[in-house]
Amino acid sequence: MDYSKSGNPKGAKARPAFDGQNRFGAPKQAHGNTPSKEELLARLKAAAEKKKEA
């Protein structure tokens, strides 16, 4: 009998520490392309205004 084929399959042993794919619900960006500081501040201010109105 081949005992190596019995039981549940073994899981992946070494998964990558960083998964570079875009997550579900996250804004889609090209990998390695980061927005500028001005864009980030504008987005944060817009989110704060939206939260303040609600």
N, C-alpha and C. Protein backbone atom coordinates (compact mmCIF):
# COMPACT_ATOMS: atom_id res chain seq x y z
N MET A 1 0.84 -1.17 0.00
CA MET A 1 0.00 0.00 0.00
C MET A 1 0.89 1.24 0.00
N ASP A 2 0.46 2.25 -0.77
CA ASP A 2 1.23 3.48 -0.86
C ASP A 2 0.67 4.48 0.15
N TYR A 3 1.33 4.61 1.29
CA TYR A 3 0.83 5.46 2.36
C TYR A 3 1.00 6.95 2.06
N SER A 4 1.83 7.31 1.08
CA SER A 4 2.02 8.72 0.75
C SER A 4 0.79 9.32 0.09
N LYS A 5 -0.09 8.48 -0.46
CA LYS A 5 -1.28 8.97 -1.14
C LYS A 5 -2.51 9.03 -0.23
N SER A 6 -2.37 8.62 1.02
CA SER A 6 -3.52 8.62 1.92
C SER A 6 -3.58 9.91 2.72
N GLY A 7 -4.76 10.30 3.14
CA GLY A 7 -4.93 11.48 3.96
C GLY A 7 -5.16 12.73 3.13
N ASN A 8 -5.23 13.86 3.82
CA ASN A 8 -5.48 15.13 3.15
C ASN A 8 -4.23 15.61 2.42
N PRO A 9 -4.43 16.37 1.35
CA PRO A 9 -3.26 16.91 0.66
C PRO A 9 -2.55 17.94 1.54
N LYS A 10 -1.27 18.02 1.38
CA LYS A 10 -0.47 18.96 2.17
C LYS A 10 -0.62 20.37 1.59
N GLY A 11 -0.66 21.37 2.46
CA GLY A 11 -0.77 22.75 2.02
C GLY A 11 0.57 23.28 1.53
N ALA A 12 0.52 24.47 0.97
CA ALA A 12 1.74 25.12 0.50
C ALA A 12 2.63 25.43 1.69
N LYS A 13 3.90 25.13 1.58
CA LYS A 13 4.81 25.32 2.71
C LYS A 13 5.37 26.73 2.76
N ALA A 14 5.70 27.28 1.63
CA ALA A 14 6.34 28.60 1.62
C ALA A 14 5.51 29.54 0.75
N ARG A 15 4.69 30.36 1.41
CA ARG A 15 3.93 31.33 0.64
C ARG A 15 4.72 32.62 0.59
N PRO A 16 4.53 33.43 -0.42
CA PRO A 16 5.28 34.68 -0.49
C PRO A 16 4.88 35.62 0.64
N ALA A 17 5.83 36.37 1.15
CA ALA A 17 5.56 37.30 2.24
C ALA A 17 4.74 38.49 1.76
N PHE A 18 4.88 38.84 0.49
CA PHE A 18 4.16 39.98 -0.06
C PHE A 18 3.43 39.52 -1.31
N ASP A 19 2.13 39.78 -1.36
CA ASP A 19 1.33 39.46 -2.53
C ASP A 19 1.06 40.76 -3.25
N GLY A 20 1.64 40.96 -4.40
CA GLY A 20 1.57 42.23 -5.10
C GLY A 20 0.30 42.45 -5.88
N GLN A 21 -0.71 41.63 -5.69
CA GLN A 21 -1.94 41.80 -6.45
C GLN A 21 -2.85 42.81 -5.76
N ASN A 22 -3.70 43.43 -6.55
CA ASN A 22 -4.67 44.36 -6.00
C ASN A 22 -5.75 43.57 -5.25
N ARG A 23 -6.08 44.01 -4.08
CA ARG A 23 -7.09 43.35 -3.26
C ARG A 23 -8.49 43.71 -3.71
N PHE A 24 -9.46 42.89 -3.34
CA PHE A 24 -10.85 43.18 -3.67
C PHE A 24 -11.28 44.45 -2.96
N GLY A 25 -11.91 45.36 -3.68
CA GLY A 25 -12.38 46.60 -3.10
C GLY A 25 -11.34 47.68 -3.02
N ALA A 26 -10.09 47.36 -3.29
CA ALA A 26 -9.04 48.37 -3.24
C ALA A 26 -8.99 49.13 -4.56
N PRO A 27 -8.58 50.40 -4.51
CA PRO A 27 -8.44 51.12 -5.78
C PRO A 27 -7.36 50.46 -6.64
N LYS A 28 -7.63 50.29 -7.90
CA LYS A 28 -6.71 49.59 -8.78
C LYS A 28 -5.59 50.53 -9.21
N GLN A 29 -4.36 50.14 -8.94
CA GLN A 29 -3.19 50.92 -9.31
C GLN A 29 -2.18 49.99 -9.96
N ALA A 30 -1.38 50.57 -10.83
CA ALA A 30 -0.28 49.81 -11.40
C ALA A 30 0.71 49.52 -10.27
N HIS A 31 1.33 48.37 -10.29
CA HIS A 31 2.25 47.98 -9.23
C HIS A 31 3.49 48.86 -9.28
N GLY A 32 3.89 49.35 -8.13
CA GLY A 32 5.06 50.19 -8.04
C GLY A 32 4.78 51.65 -8.37
N ASN A 33 3.56 51.98 -8.76
CA ASN A 33 3.21 53.35 -9.09
C ASN A 33 2.51 53.96 -7.88
N THR A 34 3.19 54.88 -7.20
CA THR A 34 2.61 55.49 -6.02
C THR A 34 2.15 56.90 -6.34
N PRO A 35 1.01 57.31 -5.82
CA PRO A 35 0.54 58.68 -6.07
C PRO A 35 1.42 59.69 -5.33
N SER A 36 1.40 60.92 -5.81
CA SER A 36 2.21 61.96 -5.19
C SER A 36 1.59 62.37 -3.85
N LYS A 37 2.36 63.12 -3.07
CA LYS A 37 1.89 63.55 -1.76
C LYS A 37 0.69 64.48 -1.88
N GLU A 38 0.70 65.33 -2.92
CA GLU A 38 -0.42 66.25 -3.12
C GLU A 38 -1.71 65.48 -3.41
N GLU A 39 -1.62 64.44 -4.22
CA GLU A 39 -2.80 63.62 -4.53
C GLU A 39 -3.33 62.94 -3.27
N LEU A 40 -2.41 62.43 -2.44
CA LEU A 40 -2.83 61.76 -1.21
C LEU A 40 -3.53 62.74 -0.26
N LEU A 41 -2.95 63.94 -0.11
CA LEU A 41 -3.56 64.93 0.77
C LEU A 41 -4.93 65.36 0.25
N ALA A 42 -5.07 65.53 -1.06
CA ALA A 42 -6.36 65.90 -1.63
C ALA A 42 -7.39 64.80 -1.37
N ARG A 43 -6.99 63.56 -1.50
CA ARG A 43 -7.91 62.45 -1.26
C ARG A 43 -8.31 62.38 0.21
N LEU A 44 -7.35 62.60 1.11
CA LEU A 44 -7.66 62.58 2.54
C LEU A 44 -8.60 63.73 2.92
N LYS A 45 -8.35 64.92 2.36
CA LYS A 45 -9.23 66.05 2.66
C LYS A 45 -10.63 65.83 2.14
N ALA A 46 -10.75 65.25 0.95
CA ALA A 46 -12.06 64.96 0.38
C ALA A 46 -12.80 63.94 1.24
N ALA A 47 -12.09 62.94 1.74
CA ALA A 47 -12.72 61.93 2.60
C ALA A 47 -13.15 62.55 3.92
N ALA A 48 -12.34 63.47 4.46
CA ALA A 48 -12.71 64.13 5.72
C ALA A 48 -13.94 65.00 5.53
N GLU A 49 -14.03 65.72 4.43
CA GLU A 49 -15.20 66.54 4.14
C GLU A 49 -16.45 65.68 3.98
N LYS A 50 -16.30 64.57 3.30
CA LYS A 50 -17.45 63.67 3.09
C LYS A 50 -17.92 63.10 4.43
N LYS A 51 -16.97 62.75 5.29
CA LYS A 51 -17.32 62.21 6.60
C LYS A 51 -17.99 63.28 7.47
N LYS A 52 -17.52 64.51 7.35
CA LYS A 52 -18.07 65.61 8.14
C LYS A 52 -19.50 65.89 7.74
N GLU A 53 -19.81 65.79 6.43
CA GLU A 53 -21.17 66.05 5.94
C GLU A 53 -22.14 64.96 6.38
N ALA A 54 -21.67 63.74 6.43
CA ALA A 54 -22.56 62.62 6.76
C ALA A 54 -22.92 62.52 8.21
